[in-house]
Amino acid sequence: MRCMASDDRELDVLRARCTRFLNGHGRQDAAQLLAMIPADTELDHYGEGGVTAGLEADIASLLGKPSAVFFPSGTMAQQSVLRVHADRRGRRTVGFHPACHVDCHEGRGYERLHALTGRPIGDPDRLLTLGDLEAVAEPLAALLLERTYFRIAPKTCSRSAFLKVRSWNPCQICSNSSE
């Protein structure tokens, strides 16, 4: 899907004219955001203690897990999870749709940072099918599934189709779907 603005300057002009905001706070600068942090907030030091530890404990409790880890970005989290599964399985190849975000929009960081090999599966112009997965001959460390592939938008697979693909299980499946 393309943005209706033709360049960054035009986007800035459009943003400046906005009067309603989804986040409820409107346009804020760095000073306004920093002023919202209570003065007695305990700082964390390289991920230890402070608000980060509190957030991790809250999320672990909410999910009924013994622990949780905060990642500052989804990119970092996705690549780390792929790496963990690859290390556990002793395999370096991860599978994903040819329009997968980690392959198309993250500079193949999984290769550079984690020494993983990406294996596109299926046709770039349609969503993955169970048949695509069954045609994979090599053993995978993990299969990354994304519910929506923006390059082939607005195609979104149905819940039942997604669950059928997700049920394929010769490897660990990493899904960023909330379902």
N, C-alpha and C. Protein backbone atom coordinates (compact mmCIF):
# COMPACT_ATOMS: atom_id res chain seq x y z
N MET A 1 0.84 -1.17 0.00
CA MET A 1 0.00 0.00 0.00
C MET A 1 0.89 1.23 0.00
N ARG A 2 0.59 2.16 -0.85
CA ARG A 2 1.40 3.37 -0.93
C ARG A 2 0.78 4.50 -0.14
N CYS A 3 1.64 5.31 0.42
CA CYS A 3 1.19 6.50 1.13
C CYS A 3 0.75 7.53 0.10
N MET A 4 -0.22 8.32 0.44
CA MET A 4 -0.71 9.31 -0.51
C MET A 4 0.25 10.49 -0.66
N ALA A 5 1.15 10.69 0.27
CA ALA A 5 2.12 11.78 0.17
C ALA A 5 3.27 11.35 -0.73
N SER A 6 3.81 12.29 -1.50
CA SER A 6 4.84 11.94 -2.47
C SER A 6 6.25 12.03 -1.90
N ASP A 7 6.45 12.73 -0.80
CA ASP A 7 7.80 12.81 -0.23
C ASP A 7 7.73 13.14 1.26
N ASP A 8 8.89 13.12 1.92
CA ASP A 8 8.94 13.36 3.36
C ASP A 8 8.45 14.75 3.73
N ARG A 9 8.75 15.74 2.91
CA ARG A 9 8.31 17.11 3.19
C ARG A 9 6.79 17.19 3.23
N GLU A 10 6.17 16.53 2.26
CA GLU A 10 4.71 16.53 2.21
C GLU A 10 4.13 15.79 3.42
N LEU A 11 4.77 14.70 3.85
CA LEU A 11 4.32 13.99 5.05
C LEU A 11 4.41 14.88 6.28
N ASP A 12 5.51 15.62 6.41
CA ASP A 12 5.66 16.53 7.55
C ASP A 12 4.55 17.58 7.58
N VAL A 13 4.19 18.11 6.42
CA VAL A 13 3.11 19.11 6.34
C VAL A 13 1.79 18.47 6.76
N LEU A 14 1.53 17.25 6.27
CA LEU A 14 0.29 16.56 6.64
C LEU A 14 0.23 16.28 8.14
N ARG A 15 1.34 15.81 8.72
CA ARG A 15 1.39 15.54 10.16
C ARG A 15 1.15 16.80 10.97
N ALA A 16 1.72 17.91 10.53
CA ALA A 16 1.59 19.17 11.27
C ALA A 16 0.13 19.64 11.30
N ARG A 17 -0.67 19.24 10.32
CA ARG A 17 -2.07 19.66 10.27
C ARG A 17 -2.99 18.75 11.09
N CYS A 18 -2.48 17.65 11.60
CA CYS A 18 -3.31 16.72 12.38
C CYS A 18 -3.79 17.38 13.67
N THR A 19 -5.04 17.14 13.99
CA THR A 19 -5.60 17.67 15.23
C THR A 19 -6.10 16.57 16.15
N ARG A 20 -6.19 15.32 15.68
CA ARG A 20 -6.61 14.18 16.49
C ARG A 20 -5.54 13.11 16.39
N PHE A 21 -5.27 12.44 17.51
CA PHE A 21 -4.18 11.48 17.58
C PHE A 21 -4.63 10.19 18.25
N LEU A 22 -4.20 9.06 17.75
CA LEU A 22 -4.57 7.77 18.31
C LEU A 22 -3.98 7.55 19.69
N ASN A 23 -2.80 8.11 19.96
CA ASN A 23 -2.16 7.86 21.26
C ASN A 23 -2.76 8.69 22.39
N GLY A 24 -3.67 9.60 22.09
CA GLY A 24 -4.37 10.34 23.11
C GLY A 24 -3.63 11.54 23.68
N HIS A 25 -2.37 11.70 23.36
CA HIS A 25 -1.58 12.79 23.94
C HIS A 25 -1.25 13.88 22.92
N GLY A 26 -1.53 13.64 21.66
CA GLY A 26 -1.20 14.63 20.64
C GLY A 26 0.28 14.69 20.35
N ARG A 27 0.66 15.67 19.59
CA ARG A 27 2.06 15.85 19.20
C ARG A 27 2.86 16.30 20.42
N GLN A 28 3.97 15.63 20.68
CA GLN A 28 4.82 15.98 21.83
C GLN A 28 6.27 16.01 21.40
N ASP A 29 7.02 16.89 22.02
CA ASP A 29 8.47 16.92 21.75
C ASP A 29 9.19 16.14 22.86
N ALA A 30 10.50 16.01 22.72
CA ALA A 30 11.29 15.22 23.67
C ALA A 30 11.16 15.75 25.10
N ALA A 31 11.18 17.06 25.27
CA ALA A 31 11.08 17.65 26.61
C ALA A 31 9.75 17.28 27.28
N GLN A 32 8.67 17.31 26.52
CA GLN A 32 7.36 16.95 27.09
C GLN A 32 7.34 15.47 27.50
N LEU A 33 7.90 14.61 26.69
CA LEU A 33 7.94 13.18 27.03
C LEU A 33 8.79 12.93 28.26
N LEU A 34 9.95 13.56 28.34
CA LEU A 34 10.83 13.39 29.50
C LEU A 34 10.19 13.92 30.78
N ALA A 35 9.41 14.99 30.67
CA ALA A 35 8.75 15.57 31.84
C ALA A 35 7.72 14.63 32.44
N MET A 36 7.25 13.65 31.67
CA MET A 36 6.26 12.70 32.17
C MET A 36 6.89 11.60 33.04
N ILE A 37 8.20 11.48 33.05
CA ILE A 37 8.87 10.46 33.86
C ILE A 37 9.00 10.97 35.28
N PRO A 38 8.45 10.24 36.25
CA PRO A 38 8.56 10.68 37.65
C PRO A 38 10.02 10.80 38.08
N ALA A 39 10.32 11.81 38.89
CA ALA A 39 11.69 12.07 39.32
C ALA A 39 12.29 10.92 40.13
N ASP A 40 11.44 10.14 40.82
CA ASP A 40 11.94 9.05 41.65
C ASP A 40 12.02 7.71 40.91
N THR A 41 11.91 7.73 39.59
CA THR A 41 11.98 6.50 38.80
C THR A 41 13.34 5.86 38.96
N GLU A 42 13.34 4.57 39.34
CA GLU A 42 14.60 3.83 39.49
C GLU A 42 15.13 3.49 38.09
N LEU A 43 16.37 3.86 37.85
CA LEU A 43 16.99 3.60 36.55
C LEU A 43 17.47 2.16 36.47
N ASP A 44 17.46 1.63 35.26
CA ASP A 44 18.08 0.32 35.07
C ASP A 44 19.49 0.55 34.53
N HIS A 45 20.34 -0.42 34.74
CA HIS A 45 21.73 -0.33 34.27
C HIS A 45 21.99 -1.52 33.37
N TYR A 46 22.05 -1.26 32.06
CA TYR A 46 22.26 -2.31 31.07
C TYR A 46 21.27 -3.45 31.23
N GLY A 47 20.00 -3.10 31.42
CA GLY A 47 18.94 -4.10 31.51
C GLY A 47 18.75 -4.73 32.87
N GLU A 48 19.49 -4.30 33.87
CA GLU A 48 19.36 -4.86 35.22
C GLU A 48 18.66 -3.85 36.12
N GLY A 49 17.63 -4.31 36.84
CA GLY A 49 16.95 -3.46 37.80
C GLY A 49 16.06 -2.41 37.16
N GLY A 50 15.55 -1.54 37.99
CA GLY A 50 14.77 -0.40 37.53
C GLY A 50 13.49 -0.76 36.80
N VAL A 51 13.07 0.16 35.94
CA VAL A 51 11.80 0.01 35.25
C VAL A 51 11.81 -1.17 34.28
N THR A 52 12.96 -1.49 33.71
CA THR A 52 13.02 -2.63 32.78
C THR A 52 12.70 -3.93 33.52
N ALA A 53 13.32 -4.13 34.67
CA ALA A 53 13.06 -5.34 35.45
C ALA A 53 11.59 -5.38 35.89
N GLY A 54 11.04 -4.23 36.26
CA GLY A 54 9.64 -4.17 36.65
C GLY A 54 8.72 -4.55 35.50
N LEU A 55 9.00 -4.03 34.32
CA LEU A 55 8.20 -4.34 33.13
C LEU A 55 8.28 -5.84 32.82
N GLU A 56 9.49 -6.40 32.86
CA GLU A 56 9.67 -7.82 32.58
C GLU A 56 8.89 -8.68 33.58
N ALA A 57 8.95 -8.33 34.85
CA ALA A 57 8.23 -9.08 35.89
C ALA A 57 6.72 -8.99 35.67
N ASP A 58 6.23 -7.80 35.33
CA ASP A 58 4.79 -7.62 35.09
C ASP A 58 4.32 -8.47 33.90
N ILE A 59 5.09 -8.47 32.82
CA ILE A 59 4.71 -9.24 31.63
C ILE A 59 4.77 -10.73 31.91
N ALA A 60 5.81 -11.19 32.61
CA ALA A 60 5.91 -12.61 32.97
C ALA A 60 4.70 -13.04 33.79
N SER A 61 4.32 -12.22 34.74
CA SER A 61 3.17 -12.53 35.59
C SER A 61 1.89 -12.56 34.76
N LEU A 62 1.72 -11.57 33.90
CA LEU A 62 0.54 -11.48 33.05
C LEU A 62 0.40 -12.71 32.17
N LEU A 63 1.52 -13.22 31.66
CA LEU A 63 1.49 -14.38 30.76
C LEU A 63 1.62 -15.71 31.49
N GLY A 64 1.79 -15.66 32.81
CA GLY A 64 1.93 -16.88 33.57
C GLY A 64 3.24 -17.61 33.29
N LYS A 65 4.29 -16.86 33.03
CA LYS A 65 5.61 -17.43 32.72
C LYS A 65 6.58 -17.11 33.85
N PRO A 66 7.66 -17.89 33.97
CA PRO A 66 8.62 -17.63 35.03
C PRO A 66 9.44 -16.36 34.81
N SER A 67 9.58 -15.94 33.56
CA SER A 67 10.35 -14.71 33.28
C SER A 67 9.98 -14.19 31.90
N ALA A 68 10.40 -12.98 31.63
CA ALA A 68 10.19 -12.35 30.32
C ALA A 68 11.40 -11.47 30.06
N VAL A 69 11.65 -11.17 28.80
CA VAL A 69 12.77 -10.31 28.42
C VAL A 69 12.24 -9.16 27.57
N PHE A 70 12.64 -7.95 27.91
CA PHE A 70 12.28 -6.76 27.13
C PHE A 70 13.27 -6.57 26.00
N PHE A 71 12.77 -6.38 24.80
CA PHE A 71 13.59 -6.00 23.66
C PHE A 71 13.12 -4.63 23.20
N PRO A 72 14.04 -3.73 22.90
CA PRO A 72 13.63 -2.39 22.50
C PRO A 72 12.96 -2.33 21.13
N SER A 73 13.06 -3.41 20.35
CA SER A 73 12.40 -3.40 19.04
C SER A 73 11.97 -4.81 18.66
N GLY A 74 10.94 -4.88 17.82
CA GLY A 74 10.49 -6.17 17.31
C GLY A 74 11.54 -6.82 16.44
N THR A 75 12.30 -6.01 15.71
CA THR A 75 13.38 -6.53 14.87
C THR A 75 14.37 -7.31 15.72
N MET A 76 14.79 -6.74 16.81
CA MET A 76 15.75 -7.39 17.70
C MET A 76 15.15 -8.67 18.29
N ALA A 77 13.90 -8.61 18.69
CA ALA A 77 13.25 -9.77 19.29
C ALA A 77 13.12 -10.91 18.29
N GLN A 78 12.63 -10.61 17.08
CA GLN A 78 12.46 -11.65 16.07
C GLN A 78 13.77 -12.35 15.75
N GLN A 79 14.81 -11.57 15.50
CA GLN A 79 16.09 -12.17 15.15
C GLN A 79 16.67 -12.97 16.31
N SER A 80 16.49 -12.49 17.52
CA SER A 80 16.99 -13.23 18.69
C SER A 80 16.28 -14.55 18.86
N VAL A 81 14.97 -14.56 18.66
CA VAL A 81 14.21 -15.80 18.77
C VAL A 81 14.65 -16.80 17.70
N LEU A 82 14.85 -16.33 16.49
CA LEU A 82 15.34 -17.22 15.43
C LEU A 82 16.69 -17.81 15.81
N ARG A 83 17.56 -16.97 16.35
CA ARG A 83 18.88 -17.43 16.77
C ARG A 83 18.80 -18.48 17.88
N VAL A 84 17.95 -18.25 18.87
CA VAL A 84 17.80 -19.20 19.97
C VAL A 84 17.36 -20.57 19.44
N HIS A 85 16.35 -20.56 18.55
CA HIS A 85 15.87 -21.84 18.01
C HIS A 85 16.92 -22.51 17.14
N ALA A 86 17.67 -21.73 16.38
CA ALA A 86 18.74 -22.30 15.55
C ALA A 86 19.81 -22.93 16.43
N ASP A 87 20.21 -22.24 17.48
CA ASP A 87 21.23 -22.78 18.39
C ASP A 87 20.74 -24.06 19.07
N ARG A 88 19.50 -24.06 19.52
CA ARG A 88 18.95 -25.24 20.21
C ARG A 88 18.87 -26.45 19.29
N ARG A 89 18.55 -26.21 18.03
CA ARG A 89 18.39 -27.32 17.09
C ARG A 89 19.69 -27.68 16.37
N GLY A 90 20.71 -26.86 16.51
CA GLY A 90 21.97 -27.13 15.82
C GLY A 90 21.85 -26.98 14.31
N ARG A 91 20.96 -26.11 13.87
CA ARG A 91 20.75 -25.85 12.44
C ARG A 91 20.83 -24.36 12.21
N ARG A 92 21.20 -23.94 11.00
CA ARG A 92 21.38 -22.52 10.73
C ARG A 92 20.36 -21.97 9.73
N THR A 93 19.52 -22.81 9.14
CA THR A 93 18.58 -22.36 8.11
C THR A 93 17.21 -22.07 8.72
N VAL A 94 16.70 -20.87 8.43
CA VAL A 94 15.36 -20.48 8.87
C VAL A 94 14.50 -20.24 7.65
N GLY A 95 13.27 -20.68 7.71
CA GLY A 95 12.35 -20.53 6.59
C GLY A 95 11.36 -19.42 6.82
N PHE A 96 10.91 -18.81 5.70
CA PHE A 96 9.92 -17.74 5.76
C PHE A 96 9.37 -17.46 4.38
N HIS A 97 8.26 -16.76 4.32
CA HIS A 97 7.67 -16.33 3.05
C HIS A 97 8.62 -15.37 2.35
N PRO A 98 8.67 -15.37 1.01
CA PRO A 98 9.58 -14.46 0.30
C PRO A 98 9.36 -12.97 0.59
N ALA A 99 8.18 -12.59 1.07
CA ALA A 99 7.91 -11.19 1.42
C ALA A 99 8.04 -10.93 2.92
N CYS A 100 8.66 -11.85 3.63
CA CYS A 100 8.79 -11.74 5.08
C CYS A 100 9.58 -10.49 5.47
N HIS A 101 9.12 -9.84 6.51
CA HIS A 101 9.72 -8.58 6.96
C HIS A 101 11.21 -8.70 7.27
N VAL A 102 11.61 -9.78 7.97
CA VAL A 102 13.02 -9.89 8.34
C VAL A 102 13.93 -10.02 7.13
N ASP A 103 13.40 -10.51 6.03
CA ASP A 103 14.22 -10.66 4.83
C ASP A 103 14.18 -9.40 3.96
N CYS A 104 13.02 -8.80 3.84
CA CYS A 104 12.85 -7.68 2.91
C CYS A 104 13.17 -6.31 3.48
N HIS A 105 13.01 -6.13 4.78
CA HIS A 105 13.09 -4.79 5.35
C HIS A 105 14.12 -4.61 6.46
N GLU A 106 14.89 -5.64 6.75
CA GLU A 106 15.84 -5.52 7.85
C GLU A 106 17.28 -5.81 7.41
N GLY A 107 17.54 -5.66 6.11
CA GLY A 107 18.91 -5.80 5.61
C GLY A 107 19.52 -7.18 5.88
N ARG A 108 18.65 -8.17 5.97
CA ARG A 108 19.10 -9.54 6.25
C ARG A 108 20.01 -9.61 7.47
N GLY A 109 19.62 -8.90 8.51
CA GLY A 109 20.38 -8.88 9.75
C GLY A 109 20.58 -10.26 10.34
N TYR A 110 19.62 -11.16 10.09
CA TYR A 110 19.76 -12.53 10.61
C TYR A 110 21.03 -13.19 10.06
N GLU A 111 21.42 -12.85 8.83
CA GLU A 111 22.65 -13.39 8.25
C GLU A 111 23.88 -12.74 8.87
N ARG A 112 23.85 -11.42 8.91
CA ARG A 112 25.02 -10.67 9.37
C ARG A 112 25.29 -10.80 10.86
N LEU A 113 24.23 -10.78 11.66
CA LEU A 113 24.40 -10.78 13.11
C LEU A 113 24.39 -12.16 13.74
N HIS A 114 23.69 -13.10 13.11
CA HIS A 114 23.48 -14.40 13.75
C HIS A 114 23.96 -15.58 12.93
N ALA A 115 24.55 -15.32 11.77
CA ALA A 115 25.07 -16.38 10.89
C ALA A 115 23.99 -17.38 10.52
N LEU A 116 22.77 -16.89 10.30
CA LEU A 116 21.67 -17.74 9.87
C LEU A 116 21.51 -17.64 8.36
N THR A 117 20.99 -18.69 7.77
CA THR A 117 20.72 -18.69 6.34
C THR A 117 19.21 -18.64 6.14
N GLY A 118 18.75 -17.70 5.34
CA GLY A 118 17.32 -17.56 5.07
C GLY A 118 16.91 -18.46 3.92
N ARG A 119 15.75 -19.08 4.06
CA ARG A 119 15.20 -19.95 3.02
C ARG A 119 13.79 -19.50 2.69
N PRO A 120 13.63 -18.66 1.62
CA PRO A 120 12.28 -18.27 1.22
C PRO A 120 11.48 -19.50 0.80
N ILE A 121 10.22 -19.55 1.22
CA ILE A 121 9.34 -20.68 0.93
C ILE A 121 8.07 -20.15 0.26
N GLY A 122 7.68 -20.76 -0.84
CA GLY A 122 6.42 -20.41 -1.49
C GLY A 122 6.59 -19.35 -2.56
N ASP A 123 5.47 -18.92 -3.07
CA ASP A 123 5.40 -17.95 -4.16
C ASP A 123 5.31 -16.54 -3.57
N PRO A 124 6.13 -15.60 -4.08
CA PRO A 124 6.10 -14.24 -3.52
C PRO A 124 4.77 -13.52 -3.71
N ASP A 125 3.95 -13.98 -4.64
CA ASP A 125 2.70 -13.27 -4.95
C ASP A 125 1.47 -13.85 -4.25
N ARG A 126 1.68 -14.82 -3.35
CA ARG A 126 0.55 -15.35 -2.60
C ARG A 126 1.03 -15.78 -1.21
N LEU A 127 0.10 -16.02 -0.33
CA LEU A 127 0.43 -16.43 1.02
C LEU A 127 0.88 -17.89 1.04
N LEU A 128 1.62 -18.26 2.08
CA LEU A 128 2.09 -19.63 2.24
C LEU A 128 0.93 -20.61 2.35
N THR A 129 1.17 -21.81 1.82
CA THR A 129 0.20 -22.88 1.97
C THR A 129 0.89 -24.07 2.64
N LEU A 130 0.10 -24.99 3.11
CA LEU A 130 0.65 -26.20 3.69
C LEU A 130 1.48 -26.96 2.64
N GLY A 131 1.03 -26.93 1.39
CA GLY A 131 1.78 -27.57 0.30
C GLY A 131 3.16 -26.97 0.12
N ASP A 132 3.28 -25.65 0.27
CA ASP A 132 4.60 -25.00 0.18
C ASP A 132 5.54 -25.56 1.23
N LEU A 133 5.02 -25.71 2.43
CA LEU A 133 5.84 -26.19 3.54
C LEU A 133 6.22 -27.66 3.37
N GLU A 134 5.28 -28.46 2.89
CA GLU A 134 5.56 -29.88 2.67
C GLU A 134 6.59 -30.09 1.58
N ALA A 135 6.78 -29.10 0.69
CA ALA A 135 7.77 -29.20 -0.39
C ALA A 135 9.18 -28.86 0.08
N VAL A 136 9.34 -28.36 1.29
CA VAL A 136 10.66 -28.00 1.81
C VAL A 136 11.40 -29.30 2.14
N ALA A 137 12.54 -29.51 1.49
CA ALA A 137 13.29 -30.76 1.67
C ALA A 137 14.33 -30.66 2.78
N GLU A 138 14.87 -29.47 3.00
CA GLU A 138 15.95 -29.34 3.97
C GLU A 138 15.40 -29.14 5.38
N PRO A 139 16.13 -29.60 6.38
CA PRO A 139 15.68 -29.39 7.76
C PRO A 139 15.86 -27.92 8.16
N LEU A 140 14.84 -27.36 8.77
CA LEU A 140 14.89 -25.95 9.19
C LEU A 140 15.09 -25.86 10.69
N ALA A 141 15.78 -24.80 11.10
CA ALA A 141 15.89 -24.50 12.52
C ALA A 141 14.58 -23.92 13.03
N ALA A 142 13.93 -23.11 12.18
CA ALA A 142 12.68 -22.46 12.56
C ALA A 142 11.95 -22.00 11.31
N LEU A 143 10.66 -21.85 11.44
CA LEU A 143 9.83 -21.29 10.39
C LEU A 143 9.19 -20.03 10.95
N LEU A 144 9.43 -18.90 10.32
CA LEU A 144 8.87 -17.64 10.77
C LEU A 144 7.60 -17.37 9.98
N LEU A 145 6.50 -17.20 10.70
CA LEU A 145 5.22 -16.89 10.07
C LEU A 145 4.78 -15.50 10.46
N GLU A 146 4.37 -14.74 9.48
CA GLU A 146 3.77 -13.43 9.71
C GLU A 146 2.36 -13.50 9.15
N ARG A 147 1.43 -12.95 9.86
CA ARG A 147 0.04 -13.07 9.43
C ARG A 147 -0.25 -12.24 8.18
N THR A 148 0.34 -11.09 8.07
CA THR A 148 0.10 -10.22 6.91
C THR A 148 1.43 -9.94 6.23
N TYR A 149 1.45 -10.03 4.93
CA TYR A 149 2.64 -9.72 4.15
C TYR A 149 2.35 -8.44 3.39
N PHE A 150 2.99 -7.35 3.83
CA PHE A 150 2.66 -6.04 3.29
C PHE A 150 2.95 -5.90 1.80
N ARG A 151 3.94 -6.63 1.30
CA ARG A 151 4.26 -6.52 -0.13
C ARG A 151 3.20 -7.13 -1.01
N ILE A 152 2.38 -7.99 -0.44
CA ILE A 152 1.29 -8.58 -1.22
C ILE A 152 -0.06 -8.17 -0.64
N ALA A 153 -0.04 -7.08 0.14
CA ALA A 153 -1.26 -6.56 0.76
C ALA A 153 -2.27 -6.25 -0.33
N PRO A 154 -3.54 -6.29 -0.04
CA PRO A 154 -4.14 -6.43 1.28
C PRO A 154 -4.48 -7.87 1.64
N LYS A 155 -3.77 -8.83 1.07
CA LYS A 155 -4.06 -10.24 1.35
C LYS A 155 -3.68 -10.58 2.79
N THR A 156 -4.63 -11.04 3.52
CA THR A 156 -4.40 -11.52 4.88
C THR A 156 -5.01 -12.91 4.94
N CYS A 157 -4.25 -13.86 5.39
CA CYS A 157 -4.80 -15.22 5.43
C CYS A 157 -5.85 -15.31 6.53
N SER A 158 -6.79 -16.20 6.31
CA SER A 158 -7.84 -16.42 7.32
C SER A 158 -7.24 -17.11 8.53
N ARG A 159 -7.92 -17.02 9.62
CA ARG A 159 -7.46 -17.68 10.85
C ARG A 159 -7.30 -19.18 10.63
N SER A 160 -8.27 -19.81 9.96
CA SER A 160 -8.19 -21.27 9.76
C SER A 160 -7.01 -21.63 8.85
N ALA A 161 -6.76 -20.84 7.80
CA ALA A 161 -5.61 -21.11 6.93
C ALA A 161 -4.31 -20.91 7.69
N PHE A 162 -4.25 -19.88 8.51
CA PHE A 162 -3.04 -19.61 9.30
C PHE A 162 -2.79 -20.76 10.27
N LEU A 163 -3.83 -21.22 10.95
CA LEU A 163 -3.67 -22.31 11.92
C LEU A 163 -3.26 -23.61 11.23
N LYS A 164 -3.74 -23.85 10.01
CA LYS A 164 -3.35 -25.05 9.27
C LYS A 164 -1.86 -25.00 8.94
N VAL A 165 -1.38 -23.85 8.47
CA VAL A 165 0.05 -23.69 8.17
C VAL A 165 0.85 -23.81 9.47
N ARG A 166 0.35 -23.20 10.53
CA ARG A 166 1.06 -23.22 11.80
C ARG A 166 1.14 -24.64 12.39
N SER A 167 0.24 -25.53 11.98
CA SER A 167 0.26 -26.89 12.52
C SER A 167 1.37 -27.74 11.91
N TRP A 168 1.95 -27.31 10.81
CA TRP A 168 3.08 -28.03 10.20
C TRP A 168 4.21 -28.00 11.20
N ASN A 169 4.80 -29.15 11.52
CA ASN A 169 5.68 -29.16 12.68
C ASN A 169 6.98 -29.94 12.56
N PRO A 170 7.71 -29.90 11.46
CA PRO A 170 9.01 -30.55 11.48
C PRO A 170 10.09 -29.68 12.11
N CYS A 171 9.73 -28.47 12.50
CA CYS A 171 10.70 -27.58 13.14
C CYS A 171 9.95 -26.70 14.13
N GLN A 172 10.70 -25.87 14.83
CA GLN A 172 10.07 -24.91 15.74
C GLN A 172 9.46 -23.80 14.89
N ILE A 173 8.21 -23.47 15.16
CA ILE A 173 7.55 -22.40 14.42
C ILE A 173 7.53 -21.14 15.26
N CYS A 174 8.03 -20.06 14.69
CA CYS A 174 8.04 -18.76 15.36
C CYS A 174 6.99 -17.91 14.66
N SER A 175 6.00 -17.48 15.39
CA SER A 175 4.90 -16.73 14.81
C SER A 175 4.78 -15.39 15.48
N ASN A 176 4.66 -14.32 14.68
CA ASN A 176 4.43 -13.03 15.30
C ASN A 176 2.97 -12.66 15.28
N SER A 177 2.12 -13.66 15.10
CA SER A 177 0.68 -13.42 15.15
C SER A 177 0.23 -13.43 16.60
N SER A 178 -0.73 -12.61 16.90
CA SER A 178 -1.25 -12.58 18.27
C SER A 178 -2.34 -13.62 18.47
N GLU A 179 -2.60 -14.43 17.45
CA GLU A 179 -3.68 -15.43 17.57
C GLU A 179 -3.15 -16.76 18.01
